C-alpha atoms as a PDB file:
ATOM      1  CA  UNK A   1      30.083  34.800  -0.757  1.00  0.00           C
ATOM      2  CA  UNK A   2      29.532  36.647  -3.997  1.00  0.00           C
ATOM      3  CA  UNK A   3      32.499  36.155  -6.264  1.00  0.00           C
ATOM      4  CA  UNK A   4      33.290  38.271  -9.285  1.00  0.00           C
ATOM      5  CA  UNK A   5      34.990  36.406 -12.100  1.00  0.00           C
ATOM      6  CA  UNK A   6      38.085  37.956 -13.585  1.00  0.00           C
ATOM      7  CA  UNK A   7      39.305  37.862 -17.153  1.00  0.00           C
ATOM      8  CA  UNK A   8      42.217  35.427 -17.404  1.00  0.00           C
ATOM      9  CA  UNK A   9      44.588  35.811 -20.328  1.00  0.00           C
ATOM     10  CA  UNK A  10      47.315  33.626 -18.841  1.00  0.00           C
ATOM     11  CA  UNK A  11      48.087  31.212 -16.016  1.00  0.00           C
ATOM     12  CA  UNK A  12      51.149  31.035 -13.802  1.00  0.00           C
ATOM     13  CA  UNK A  13      52.621  27.567 -13.206  1.00  0.00           C
ATOM     14  CA  UNK A  14      53.919  27.181  -9.666  1.00  0.00           C
ATOM     15  CA  UNK A  15      56.265  24.198  -9.987  1.00  0.00           C
ATOM     16  CA  UNK A  16      57.606  23.779  -6.463  1.00  0.00           C
ATOM     17  CA  UNK A  17      61.220  22.608  -6.751  1.00  0.00           C
ATOM     18  CA  UNK A  18      64.030  23.462  -4.330  1.00  0.00           C
ATOM     19  CA  UNK A  19      65.792  26.527  -5.754  1.00  0.00           C
ATOM     20  CA  UNK A  20      69.194  24.903  -5.187  1.00  0.00           C
ATOM     21  CA  UNK A  21      68.135  21.942  -7.327  1.00  0.00           C
ATOM     22  CA  UNK A  22      66.645  23.923 -10.205  1.00  0.00           C
ATOM     23  CA  UNK A  23      69.844  24.238 -12.236  1.00  0.00           C
ATOM     24  CA  UNK A  24      70.544  20.499 -11.929  1.00  0.00           C
ATOM     25  CA  UNK A  25      66.930  19.713 -12.785  1.00  0.00           C
ATOM     26  CA  UNK A  26      67.079  21.880 -15.922  1.00  0.00           C
ATOM     27  CA  UNK A  27      70.253  20.104 -17.103  1.00  0.00           C
ATOM     28  CA  UNK A  28      68.696  16.706 -16.365  1.00  0.00           C
ATOM     29  CA  UNK A  29      65.493  17.599 -18.226  1.00  0.00           C
ATOM     30  CA  UNK A  30      67.479  18.801 -21.240  1.00  0.00           C
ATOM     31  CA  UNK A  31      69.465  15.552 -21.370  1.00  0.00           C
ATOM     32  CA  UNK A  32      66.315  13.461 -20.937  1.00  0.00           C
ATOM     33  CA  UNK A  33      64.570  15.371 -23.735  1.00  0.00           C
ATOM     34  CA  UNK A  34      67.473  14.973 -26.180  1.00  0.00           C
ATOM     35  CA  UNK A  35      67.789  11.247 -25.402  1.00  0.00           C
ATOM     36  CA  UNK A  36      64.011  10.858 -25.801  1.00  0.00           C
ATOM     37  CA  UNK A  37      64.047  12.602 -29.181  1.00  0.00           C
ATOM     38  CA  UNK A  38      66.991  10.563 -30.473  1.00  0.00           C
ATOM     39  CA  UNK A  39      65.695   7.195 -29.274  1.00  0.00           C
ATOM     40  CA  UNK A  40      62.107   7.556 -30.445  1.00  0.00           C
ATOM     41  CA  UNK A  41      62.995   9.106 -33.822  1.00  0.00           C
ATOM     42  CA  UNK A  42      65.442   6.243 -34.345  1.00  0.00           C
ATOM     43  CA  UNK A  43      62.774   3.620 -33.575  1.00  0.00           C
ATOM     44  CA  UNK A  44      60.280   5.261 -35.956  1.00  0.00           C
ATOM     45  CA  UNK A  45      62.878   5.503 -38.760  1.00  0.00           C
ATOM     46  CA  UNK A  46      64.020   1.905 -38.357  1.00  0.00           C
ATOM     47  CA  UNK A  47      60.472   0.535 -38.457  1.00  0.00           C
ATOM     48  CA  UNK A  48      59.449   2.799 -41.364  1.00  0.00           C
ATOM     49  CA  UNK A  49      62.529   1.862 -43.433  1.00  0.00           C
ATOM     50  CA  UNK A  50      62.382  -1.899 -42.858  1.00  0.00           C
ATOM     51  CA  UNK A  51      59.485  -3.648 -44.680  1.00  0.00           C
ATOM     52  CA  UNK A  52      59.988  -6.754 -42.507  1.00  0.00           C
ATOM     53  CA  UNK A  53      59.070  -4.708 -39.405  1.00  0.00           C
ATOM     54  CA  UNK A  54      55.826  -3.324 -40.819  1.00  0.00           C
ATOM     55  CA  UNK A  55      53.654  -5.752 -38.858  1.00  0.00           C
ATOM     56  CA  UNK A  56      50.951  -4.904 -36.277  1.00  0.00           C
ATOM     57  CA  UNK A  57      53.276  -5.275 -33.283  1.00  0.00           C
ATOM     58  CA  UNK A  58      55.963  -3.036 -34.783  1.00  0.00           C
ATOM     59  CA  UNK A  59      53.433  -0.524 -36.087  1.00  0.00           C
ATOM     60  CA  UNK A  60      52.236  -0.324 -32.471  1.00  0.00           C
ATOM     61  CA  UNK A  61      55.794   0.284 -31.277  1.00  0.00           C
ATOM     62  CA  UNK A  62      56.213   3.066 -33.868  1.00  0.00           C
ATOM     63  CA  UNK A  63      52.889   4.630 -32.822  1.00  0.00           C
ATOM     64  CA  UNK A  64      54.024   4.490 -29.195  1.00  0.00           C
ATOM     65  CA  UNK A  65      57.270   6.238 -30.155  1.00  0.00           C
ATOM     66  CA  UNK A  66      55.318   9.017 -31.916  1.00  0.00           C
ATOM     67  CA  UNK A  67      53.066   9.469 -28.866  1.00  0.00           C
ATOM     68  CA  UNK A  68      56.159   9.664 -26.640  1.00  0.00           C
ATOM     69  CA  UNK A  69      57.776  12.236 -28.954  1.00  0.00           C
ATOM     70  CA  UNK A  70      54.725  14.495 -28.972  1.00  0.00           C
ATOM     71  CA  UNK A  71      54.123  14.031 -25.241  1.00  0.00           C
ATOM     72  CA  UNK A  72      57.700  14.904 -24.275  1.00  0.00           C
ATOM     73  CA  UNK A  73      57.709  17.927 -26.586  1.00  0.00           C
ATOM     74  CA  UNK A  74      54.424  19.045 -25.055  1.00  0.00           C
ATOM     75  CA  UNK A  75      55.764  18.973 -21.478  1.00  0.00           C
ATOM     76  CA  UNK A  76      59.558  19.172 -21.176  1.00  0.00           C
ATOM     77  CA  UNK A  77      60.382  22.467 -23.010  1.00  0.00           C
ATOM     78  CA  UNK A  78      57.696  24.350 -21.046  1.00  0.00           C
ATOM     79  CA  UNK A  79      58.842  22.670 -17.842  1.00  0.00           C
ATOM     80  CA  UNK A  80      62.385  23.911 -18.475  1.00  0.00           C
ATOM     81  CA  UNK A  81      60.987  27.407 -19.107  1.00  0.00           C
ATOM     82  CA  UNK A  82      58.995  27.296 -15.851  1.00  0.00           C
ATOM     83  CA  UNK A  83      62.076  26.281 -13.860  1.00  0.00           C
ATOM     84  CA  UNK A  84      63.957  29.108 -15.600  1.00  0.00           C
ATOM     85  CA  UNK A  85      61.405  31.572 -14.164  1.00  0.00           C
ATOM     86  CA  UNK A  86      59.305  31.835 -17.335  1.00  0.00           C
ATOM     87  CA  UNK A  87      56.282  30.526 -15.470  1.00  0.00           C
ATOM     88  CA  UNK A  88      53.474  32.335 -17.308  1.00  0.00           C
ATOM     89  CA  UNK A  89      51.602  30.475 -20.032  1.00  0.00           C
ATOM     90  CA  UNK A  90      48.835  32.092 -22.169  1.00  0.00           C
ATOM     91  CA  UNK A  91      45.272  30.783 -21.823  1.00  0.00           C
ATOM     92  CA  UNK A  92      45.142  29.134 -25.270  1.00  0.00           C
ATOM     93  CA  UNK A  93      48.496  27.285 -25.082  1.00  0.00           C
ATOM     94  CA  UNK A  94      47.594  26.187 -21.552  1.00  0.00           C
ATOM     95  CA  UNK A  95      44.391  24.534 -22.780  1.00  0.00           C
ATOM     96  CA  UNK A  96      46.300  22.994 -25.691  1.00  0.00           C
ATOM     97  CA  UNK A  97      48.888  21.529 -23.334  1.00  0.00           C
ATOM     98  CA  UNK A  98      46.159  20.155 -21.078  1.00  0.00           C
ATOM     99  CA  UNK A  99      44.283  18.643 -24.036  1.00  0.00           C
ATOM    100  CA  UNK A 100      47.435  16.944 -25.360  1.00  0.00           C
ATOM    101  CA  UNK A 101      48.286  15.510 -21.925  1.00  0.00           C
ATOM    102  CA  UNK A 102      44.793  14.005 -21.650  1.00  0.00           C
ATOM    103  CA  UNK A 103      44.620  12.835 -25.261  1.00  0.00           C
ATOM    104  CA  UNK A 104      48.077  11.245 -25.422  1.00  0.00           C
ATOM    105  CA  UNK A 105      47.564   9.530 -22.056  1.00  0.00           C
ATOM    106  CA  UNK A 106      44.299   7.981 -23.242  1.00  0.00           C
ATOM    107  CA  UNK A 107      45.713   7.051 -26.650  1.00  0.00           C
ATOM    108  CA  UNK A 108      48.776   5.401 -25.091  1.00  0.00           C
ATOM    109  CA  UNK A 109      46.644   3.397 -22.649  1.00  0.00           C
ATOM    110  CA  UNK A 110      44.496   2.082 -25.516  1.00  0.00           C
ATOM    111  CA  UNK A 111      47.569   1.439 -27.672  1.00  0.00           C
ATOM    112  CA  UNK A 112      49.235  -0.675 -24.970  1.00  0.00           C
ATOM    113  CA  UNK A 113      45.975  -2.623 -24.609  1.00  0.00           C
ATOM    114  CA  UNK A 114      45.885  -3.179 -28.388  1.00  0.00           C
ATOM    115  CA  UNK A 115      49.500  -4.420 -28.334  1.00  0.00           C
ATOM    116  CA  UNK A 116      48.610  -6.812 -25.501  1.00  0.00           C
ATOM    117  CA  UNK A 117      45.648  -8.060 -27.536  1.00  0.00           C
ATOM    118  CA  UNK A 118      47.894  -8.569 -30.585  1.00  0.00           C
ATOM    119  CA  UNK A 119      50.354 -10.654 -28.548  1.00  0.00           C
ATOM    120  CA  UNK A 120      47.472 -12.596 -26.970  1.00  0.00           C
ATOM    121  CA  UNK A 121      46.149 -13.661 -30.389  1.00  0.00           C
ATOM    122  CA  UNK A 122      49.677 -14.425 -31.670  1.00  0.00           C
ATOM    123  CA  UNK A 123      50.520 -16.693 -28.725  1.00  0.00           C
ATOM    124  CA  UNK A 124      47.177 -18.214 -27.683  1.00  0.00           C
ATOM    125  CA  UNK A 125      45.606 -18.490 -31.173  1.00  0.00           C
ATOM    126  CA  UNK A 126      48.602 -18.545 -33.558  1.00  0.00           C
ATOM    127  CA  UNK A 127      46.805 -20.454 -36.322  1.00  0.00           C
ATOM    128  CA  UNK A 128      43.983 -17.905 -36.405  1.00  0.00           C
ATOM    129  CA  UNK A 129      46.250 -14.832 -36.228  1.00  0.00           C
ATOM    130  CA  UNK A 130      46.076 -13.986 -39.950  1.00  0.00           C
ATOM    131  CA  UNK A 131      42.275 -14.231 -39.968  1.00  0.00           C
ATOM    132  CA  UNK A 132      41.729 -12.313 -36.710  1.00  0.00           C
ATOM    133  CA  UNK A 133      44.355  -9.572 -37.129  1.00  0.00           C
ATOM    134  CA  UNK A 134      43.472  -8.205 -40.558  1.00  0.00           C
ATOM    135  CA  UNK A 135      43.805  -4.748 -42.112  1.00  0.00           C
ATOM    136  CA  UNK A 136      40.143  -4.151 -41.278  1.00  0.00           C
ATOM    137  CA  UNK A 137      40.748  -5.109 -37.634  1.00  0.00           C
ATOM    138  CA  UNK A 138      43.776  -2.815 -37.422  1.00  0.00           C
ATOM    139  CA  UNK A 139      41.806   0.033 -39.033  1.00  0.00           C
ATOM    140  CA  UNK A 140      38.958  -0.423 -36.530  1.00  0.00           C
ATOM    141  CA  UNK A 141      41.450  -0.498 -33.657  1.00  0.00           C
ATOM    142  CA  UNK A 142      43.121   2.650 -34.994  1.00  0.00           C
ATOM    143  CA  UNK A 143      39.798   4.498 -35.171  1.00  0.00           C
ATOM    144  CA  UNK A 144      38.978   3.414 -31.612  1.00  0.00           C
ATOM    145  CA  UNK A 145      42.458   4.384 -30.463  1.00  0.00           C
ATOM    146  CA  UNK A 146      42.252   7.938 -31.822  1.00  0.00           C
ATOM    147  CA  UNK A 147      38.545   8.802 -31.733  1.00  0.00           C
ATOM    148  CA  UNK A 148      37.562   7.726 -28.197  1.00  0.00           C
ATOM    149  CA  UNK A 149      40.295   9.793 -26.453  1.00  0.00           C
ATOM    150  CA  UNK A 150      39.496  12.705 -28.791  1.00  0.00           C
ATOM    151  CA  UNK A 151      35.797  12.628 -27.796  1.00  0.00           C
ATOM    152  CA  UNK A 152      36.777  12.541 -24.121  1.00  0.00           C
ATOM    153  CA  UNK A 153      39.185  15.470 -24.494  1.00  0.00           C
ATOM    154  CA  UNK A 154      36.562  17.485 -26.380  1.00  0.00           C
ATOM    155  CA  UNK A 155      34.161  17.061 -23.453  1.00  0.00           C
ATOM    156  CA  UNK A 156      36.862  18.159 -21.006  1.00  0.00           C
ATOM    157  CA  UNK A 157      37.657  21.241 -23.124  1.00  0.00           C
ATOM    158  CA  UNK A 158      33.988  22.216 -23.216  1.00  0.00           C
ATOM    159  CA  UNK A 159      33.872  21.986 -19.422  1.00  0.00           C
ATOM    160  CA  UNK A 160      37.038  24.075 -19.046  1.00  0.00           C
ATOM    161  CA  UNK A 161      35.676  26.834 -21.284  1.00  0.00           C
ATOM    162  CA  UNK A 162      32.648  27.007 -18.967  1.00  0.00           C
ATOM    163  CA  UNK A 163      34.853  27.904 -16.018  1.00  0.00           C
ATOM    164  CA  UNK A 164      35.459  31.395 -14.714  1.00  0.00           C
ATOM    165  CA  UNK A 165      38.213  32.360 -12.281  1.00  0.00           C
ATOM    166  CA  UNK A 166      37.596  34.578  -9.262  1.00  0.00           C
ATOM    167  CA  UNK A 167      40.648  34.864  -7.036  1.00  0.00           C
ATOM    168  CA  UNK A 168      43.759  33.552  -8.747  1.00  0.00           C
ATOM    169  CA  UNK A 169      45.330  32.410 -11.989  1.00  0.00           C
ATOM    170  CA  UNK A 170      48.135  30.478 -10.281  1.00  0.00           C
ATOM    171  CA  UNK A 171      48.215  26.719 -10.885  1.00  0.00           C
ATOM    172  CA  UNK A 172      50.025  24.774  -8.189  1.00  0.00           C
ATOM    173  CA  UNK A 173      51.422  22.371 -10.775  1.00  0.00           C
ATOM    174  CA  UNK A 174      54.301  21.986 -13.229  1.00  0.00           C
ATOM    175  CA  UNK A 175      52.133  21.998 -16.354  1.00  0.00           C
ATOM    176  CA  UNK A 176      48.540  22.798 -17.283  1.00  0.00           C
ATOM    177  CA  UNK A 177      46.384  20.131 -15.702  1.00  0.00           C
ATOM    178  CA  UNK A 178      42.599  19.668 -15.818  1.00  0.00           C
ATOM    179  CA  UNK A 179      42.063  19.148 -12.085  1.00  0.00           C
ATOM    180  CA  UNK A 180      44.317  22.100 -11.196  1.00  0.00           C
ATOM    181  CA  UNK A 181      42.272  24.388 -13.454  1.00  0.00           C
ATOM    182  CA  UNK A 182      39.005  23.177 -11.917  1.00  0.00           C
ATOM    183  CA  UNK A 183      40.325  23.700  -8.378  1.00  0.00           C
ATOM    184  CA  UNK A 184      41.008  27.425  -8.877  1.00  0.00           C
ATOM    185  CA  UNK A 185      37.721  28.112 -10.701  1.00  0.00           C
ATOM    186  CA  UNK A 186      34.708  29.875  -9.194  1.00  0.00           C
ATOM    187  CA  UNK A 187      32.314  27.010  -9.866  1.00  0.00           C
ATOM    188  CA  UNK A 188      32.356  23.915  -7.673  1.00  0.00           C
ATOM    189  CA  UNK A 189      30.188  21.622  -9.768  1.00  0.00           C
ATOM    190  CA  UNK A 190      30.719  17.860  -9.123  1.00  0.00           C
ATOM    191  CA  UNK A 191      30.275  17.133 -12.847  1.00  0.00           C
ATOM    192  CA  UNK A 192      33.769  18.475 -13.556  1.00  0.00           C
ATOM    193  CA  UNK A 193      35.441  15.887 -11.322  1.00  0.00           C
ATOM    194  CA  UNK A 194      32.934  13.154 -12.233  1.00  0.00           C
ATOM    195  CA  UNK A 195      34.068  13.393 -15.856  1.00  0.00           C
ATOM    196  CA  UNK A 196      37.674  13.059 -14.731  1.00  0.00           C
ATOM    197  CA  UNK A 197      36.798   9.979 -12.645  1.00  0.00           C
ATOM    198  CA  UNK A 198      35.037   8.379 -15.615  1.00  0.00           C
ATOM    199  CA  UNK A 199      38.065   9.124 -17.802  1.00  0.00           C
ATOM    200  CA  UNK A 200      40.423   7.603 -15.223  1.00  0.00           C
ATOM    201  CA  UNK A 201      38.311   4.436 -15.193  1.00  0.00           C
ATOM    202  CA  UNK A 202      37.979   4.158 -18.996  1.00  0.00           C
ATOM    203  CA  UNK A 203      41.570   5.072 -19.883  1.00  0.00           C
ATOM    204  CA  UNK A 204      43.337   3.957 -16.716  1.00  0.00           C
ATOM    205  CA  UNK A 205      41.819   1.046 -14.819  1.00  0.00           C
ATOM    206  CA  UNK A 206      40.120  -0.780 -17.724  1.00  0.00           C
ATOM    207  CA  UNK A 207      43.150  -0.973 -20.079  1.00  0.00           C
ATOM    208  CA  UNK A 208      45.486  -1.810 -17.177  1.00  0.00           C
ATOM    209  CA  UNK A 209      43.310  -4.722 -15.971  1.00  0.00           C
ATOM    210  CA  UNK A 210      42.841  -5.929 -19.561  1.00  0.00           C
ATOM    211  CA  UNK A 211      46.616  -5.876 -20.132  1.00  0.00           C
ATOM    212  CA  UNK A 212      47.353  -7.794 -16.921  1.00  0.00           C
ATOM    213  CA  UNK A 213      44.747 -10.460 -17.720  1.00  0.00           C
ATOM    214  CA  UNK A 214      46.008 -10.797 -21.313  1.00  0.00           C
ATOM    215  CA  UNK A 215      49.627 -11.185 -20.245  1.00  0.00           C
ATOM    216  CA  UNK A 216      48.715 -13.654 -17.503  1.00  0.00           C
ATOM    217  CA  UNK A 217      47.046 -15.805 -20.170  1.00  0.00           C
ATOM    218  CA  UNK A 218      50.042 -15.344 -22.500  1.00  0.00           C
ATOM    219  CA  UNK A 219      52.456 -16.399 -19.733  1.00  0.00           C
ATOM    220  CA  UNK A 220      50.364 -19.516 -19.060  1.00  0.00           C
ATOM    221  CA  UNK A 221      50.367 -20.399 -22.773  1.00  0.00           C
ATOM    222  CA  UNK A 222      54.117 -19.698 -23.042  1.00  0.00           C
ATOM    223  CA  UNK A 223      54.936 -22.115 -20.228  1.00  0.00           C
ATOM    224  CA  UNK A 224      53.138 -24.878 -22.156  1.00  0.00           C
ATOM    225  CA  UNK A 225      55.291 -24.403 -25.287  1.00  0.00           C
ATOM    226  CA  UNK A 226      57.500 -27.476 -25.705  1.00  0.00           C
ATOM    227  CA  UNK A 227      60.276 -25.702 -27.624  1.00  0.00           C
ATOM    228  CA  UNK A 228      62.720 -23.956 -25.290  1.00  0.00           C
ATOM    229  CA  UNK A 229      63.521 -21.348 -27.967  1.00  0.00           C
ATOM    230  CA  UNK A 230      59.836 -20.631 -28.557  1.00  0.00           C
ATOM    231  CA  UNK A 231      59.173 -20.386 -24.838  1.00  0.00           C
ATOM    232  CA  UNK A 232      62.149 -18.054 -24.339  1.00  0.00           C
ATOM    233  CA  UNK A 233      61.141 -15.789 -27.258  1.00  0.00           C
ATOM    234  CA  UNK A 234      57.535 -15.519 -26.055  1.00  0.00           C
ATOM    235  CA  UNK A 235      58.503 -14.771 -22.453  1.00  0.00           C
ATOM    236  CA  UNK A 236      61.089 -12.231 -23.646  1.00  0.00           C
ATOM    237  CA  UNK A 237      58.413 -10.388 -25.669  1.00  0.00           C
ATOM    238  CA  UNK A 238      56.066 -10.578 -22.688  1.00  0.00           C
ATOM    239  CA  UNK A 239      58.700  -9.130 -20.341  1.00  0.00           C
ATOM    240  CA  UNK A 240      59.483  -6.319 -22.780  1.00  0.00           C
ATOM    241  CA  UNK A 241      55.849  -5.229 -23.000  1.00  0.00           C
ATOM    242  CA  UNK A 242      55.350  -5.517 -19.241  1.00  0.00           C
ATOM    243  CA  UNK A 243      58.338  -3.244 -18.636  1.00  0.00           C
ATOM    244  CA  UNK A 244      56.800  -0.597 -20.913  1.00  0.00           C
ATOM    245  CA  UNK A 245      53.359  -0.991 -19.290  1.00  0.00           C
ATOM    246  CA  UNK A 246      54.947  -0.789 -15.839  1.00  0.00           C
ATOM    247  CA  UNK A 247      56.821   2.407 -16.694  1.00  0.00           C
ATOM    248  CA  UNK A 248      53.589   3.959 -17.962  1.00  0.00           C
ATOM    249  CA  UNK A 249      51.352   2.954 -15.033  1.00  0.00           C
ATOM    250  CA  UNK A 250      53.351   2.382 -11.841  1.00  0.00           C
ATOM    251  CA  UNK A 251      54.479   5.977 -11.041  1.00  0.00           C
ATOM    252  CA  UNK A 252      50.954   7.369 -11.429  1.00  0.00           C
ATOM    253  CA  UNK A 253      49.342   4.442  -9.599  1.00  0.00           C
ATOM    254  CA  UNK A 254      51.893   4.796  -6.798  1.00  0.00           C
ATOM    255  CA  UNK A 255      51.168   8.509  -6.358  1.00  0.00           C
ATOM    256  CA  UNK A 256      47.423   7.791  -6.056  1.00  0.00           C
ATOM    257  CA  UNK A 257      47.951   4.840  -3.690  1.00  0.00           C
ATOM    258  CA  UNK A 258      50.175   6.839  -1.354  1.00  0.00           C
ATOM    259  CA  UNK A 259      47.531   9.551  -1.172  1.00  0.00           C
ATOM    260  CA  UNK A 260      44.755   6.977  -0.662  1.00  0.00           C
ATOM    261  CA  UNK A 261      46.484   5.293   2.302  1.00  0.00           C
ATOM    262  CA  UNK A 262      47.085   8.628   3.997  1.00  0.00           C
ATOM    263  CA  UNK A 263      50.741   9.244   3.145  1.00  0.00           C
ATOM    264  CA  UNK A 264      51.154  13.006   2.931  1.00  0.00           C
ATOM    265  CA  UNK A 265      53.621  13.954   0.227  1.00  0.00           C
ATOM    266  CA  UNK A 266      55.157  17.405   0.171  1.00  0.00           C
ATOM    267  CA  UNK A 267      54.300  19.520  -2.860  1.00  0.00           C
ATOM    268  CA  UNK A 268      57.879  19.160  -4.079  1.00  0.00           C
ATOM    269  CA  UNK A 269      57.816  15.355  -3.701  1.00  0.00           C
ATOM    270  CA  UNK A 270      54.476  15.105  -5.491  1.00  0.00           C
ATOM    271  CA  UNK A 271      55.661  17.357  -8.328  1.00  0.00           C
ATOM    272  CA  UNK A 272      58.853  15.324  -8.659  1.00  0.00           C
ATOM    273  CA  UNK A 273      56.846  12.088  -8.875  1.00  0.00           C
ATOM    274  CA  UNK A 274      54.534  13.531 -11.527  1.00  0.00           C
ATOM    275  CA  UNK A 275      57.487  14.858 -13.546  1.00  0.00           C
ATOM    276  CA  UNK A 276      59.195  11.453 -13.422  1.00  0.00           C
ATOM    277  CA  UNK A 277      55.960   9.705 -14.442  1.00  0.00           C
ATOM    278  CA  UNK A 278      55.632  11.919 -17.519  1.00  0.00           C
ATOM    279  CA  UNK A 279      59.216  12.211 -18.795  1.00  0.00           C
ATOM    280  CA  UNK A 280      60.996   8.960 -17.860  1.00  0.00           C
ATOM    281  CA  UNK A 281      58.843   6.370 -19.743  1.00  0.00           C
ATOM    282  CA  UNK A 282      59.212   8.100 -23.154  1.00  0.00           C
ATOM    283  CA  UNK A 283      63.003   8.056 -22.684  1.00  0.00           C
ATOM    284  CA  UNK A 284      63.234   4.396 -21.668  1.00  0.00           C
ATOM    285  CA  UNK A 285      60.659   2.878 -24.047  1.00  0.00           C
ATOM    286  CA  UNK A 286      62.940   2.942 -27.152  1.00  0.00           C
ATOM    287  CA  UNK A 287      65.843   1.620 -25.039  1.00  0.00           C
ATOM    288  CA  UNK A 288      63.729  -1.298 -23.848  1.00  0.00           C
ATOM    289  CA  UNK A 289      62.635  -2.207 -27.377  1.00  0.00           C
ATOM    290  CA  UNK A 290      66.130  -1.652 -28.810  1.00  0.00           C
ATOM    291  CA  UNK A 291      67.846  -3.889 -26.280  1.00  0.00           C
ATOM    292  CA  UNK A 292      65.175  -6.563 -25.836  1.00  0.00           C
ATOM    293  CA  UNK A 293      63.762  -6.914 -29.356  1.00  0.00           C
ATOM    294  CA  UNK A 294      66.140  -8.771 -31.673  1.00  0.00           C
ATOM    295  CA  UNK A 295      64.557  -7.518 -34.910  1.00  0.00           C
ATOM    296  CA  UNK A 296      64.679  -3.851 -33.916  1.00  0.00           C
ATOM    297  CA  UNK A 297      68.185  -4.214 -32.474  1.00  0.00           C
ATOM    298  CA  UNK A 298      69.559  -5.808 -35.637  1.00  0.00           C
ATOM    299  CA  UNK A 299      67.817  -3.178 -37.816  1.00  0.00           C
ATOM    300  CA  UNK A 300      69.413  -0.375 -35.797  1.00  0.00           C
ATOM    301  CA  UNK A 301      72.831  -2.021 -36.144  1.00  0.00           C
ATOM    302  CA  UNK A 302      72.364  -2.274 -39.923  1.00  0.00           C
ATOM    303  CA  UNK A 303      71.297   1.372 -40.078  1.00  0.00           C
ATOM    304  CA  UNK A 304      74.437   2.562 -38.289  1.00  0.00           C
ATOM    305  CA  UNK A 305      76.691   0.261 -40.337  1.00  0.00           C
ATOM    306  CA  UNK A 306      75.254   1.594 -43.600  1.00  0.00           C
ATOM    307  CA  UNK A 307      75.596   5.174 -42.323  1.00  0.00           C
ATOM    308  CA  UNK A 308      79.365   4.684 -41.912  1.00  0.00           C
ATOM    309  CA  UNK A 309      79.687   4.144 -45.624  1.00  0.00           C
END
């Protein structure tokens, strides 16, 4: 059929949530956002103000907190607006939101892999740590961390600007998403989804497998440590990082696995799972590091004690 493209100045986000639950969801999202802001800003301040915490591992934690801050700010306020019946989003801000979702997801995946690599060198090759983890190494890792996701997002943006829309401007999603935009476009070119599959492999599967292998090797090395205190400290750090990695990966992996094995989720259930996957980890990450990392916990306590005076 001949299809005539239409000029799209805005998209409408169709976030399917039970109308009776919308008010509770808005309150919950507001609380989650405020807790996320407080926790992550606190972690960044504590690490920035304490010279003893300005080491690769803690710099990684601070970078993760910044990514979580930007990511939550990119999604939650608009999500609250959508649930409050302000569902329209202009074309430009929609592309910006999509680009940030893709970029921050890729950057966080690489960052977690870098943190796993840092812990691997510290535990498995402790005597070589200072020679392997240098300022030059950290700079190279930082360039890789920021430039590779940026190149990927640029390619995705170029593809999106090629699209024209024929029948609708309604996205059946809670925020602007690459695959949702492609699905409502006139063109059905496999290259658009091939790029997404490549991105999922590079920024999803590869870092996740690398992290699991690194931590398996770290756990094996930790069990061979003769000192009970050293073994406990190493395993505690390992558990902390695995909790953060699990929060980042498991909800998204679970949603894909359920679909792959034929479990049909309702649109509301799928949207709820995606919302949880995007807003819960940024809220819990600073809590995990605050409670499980002795150095950060003690620095936060000192900060609050000094604030009282």
